[in-house]
Protein backbone atom coordinates (compact mmCIF):
# COMPACT_ATOMS: atom_id res chain seq x y z
CA MET A 1 -36.54 -3.83 18.18
CA GLU A 2 -38.04 -6.67 16.26
CA ASP A 3 -36.02 -9.70 15.20
CA ASN A 4 -36.21 -9.52 11.40
CA GLY A 5 -32.74 -10.84 10.56
CA ILE A 6 -31.19 -7.41 9.91
CA LEU A 7 -27.98 -6.72 11.80
CA VAL A 8 -28.40 -4.17 14.59
CA HIS A 9 -25.88 -1.74 13.07
CA LEU A 10 -27.83 -1.73 9.78
CA LYS A 11 -31.31 -1.14 11.22
CA GLY A 12 -30.95 2.64 10.83
CA GLY A 13 -31.72 2.51 7.13
CA ILE A 14 -29.88 3.40 3.95
CA ALA A 15 -27.41 5.75 5.69
CA ASP A 16 -26.20 2.93 7.93
CA ALA A 17 -25.84 0.61 4.94
CA VAL A 18 -23.81 3.20 3.01
CA LEU A 19 -21.52 3.88 5.97
CA TYR A 20 -21.11 0.14 6.61
CA ARG A 21 -20.17 -0.58 3.00
CA ALA A 22 -17.81 2.40 2.81
CA THR A 23 -16.10 1.18 5.98
CA MET A 24 -15.74 -2.32 4.58
CA ILE A 25 -14.35 -1.04 1.27
CA LEU A 26 -11.81 1.20 3.03
CA THR A 27 -10.83 -1.60 5.40
CA VAL A 28 -10.29 -4.16 2.64
CA GLY A 29 -8.50 -1.59 0.46
CA GLY A 30 -6.24 -0.56 3.33
CA MET A 31 -5.39 -4.17 4.13
CA ALA A 32 -4.59 -4.88 0.47
CA TYR A 33 -2.36 -1.79 0.29
CA ALA A 34 -0.58 -2.73 3.52
CA ILE A 35 0.10 -6.25 2.25
CA TYR A 36 1.35 -4.82 -1.06
CA GLN A 37 3.74 -2.48 0.77
CA LEU A 38 5.03 -5.36 2.90
CA VAL A 39 5.71 -7.42 -0.21
CA VAL A 40 7.47 -4.50 -1.93
CA ALA A 41 9.56 -3.82 1.18
CA SER A 42 10.58 -7.46 1.54
CA PHE A 43 12.41 -7.58 -1.79
CA PRO A 44 15.63 -5.60 -2.26
CA LYS A 45 15.61 -2.81 -4.77
CA LYS A 46 17.49 -3.60 -7.99
CA GLN A 47 20.70 -1.62 -8.28
CA ASP A 48 21.37 0.20 -11.51
CA TRP A 49 24.70 -0.83 -13.02
CA LEU A 50 25.46 2.80 -13.93
CA GLN A 51 25.24 3.72 -10.28
CA PHE A 52 28.44 1.75 -9.66
CA ILE A 53 30.29 2.51 -12.89
CA LEU A 54 29.89 6.29 -13.09
CA PRO A 55 31.62 7.09 -9.77
CA ALA A 56 34.51 4.81 -10.75
CA ILE A 57 34.87 6.56 -14.11
CA SER A 58 34.82 10.00 -12.49
CA PHE A 59 37.43 8.86 -9.94
CA ILE A 60 39.69 7.64 -12.76
CA GLN A 61 39.30 10.96 -14.59
CA LEU A 62 40.14 12.91 -11.43
CA SER A 63 43.23 10.82 -10.70
CA VAL A 64 44.55 11.24 -14.28
CA ASP A 65 44.40 15.05 -14.11
């Protein structure tokens, strides 16, 4: 192979270039998604205030009956 400055994994032509770029896009996209999921998982989920009040109200109604 001649030394023309083209990377060896891209010397196969347009098909190699398309596969290389698709791989890079999927890799960068996957990394971004993984980082996003880590950030989302690191913060606690906000609790809905009704989630705590409704069971208490239903308990009060059951104890009155």
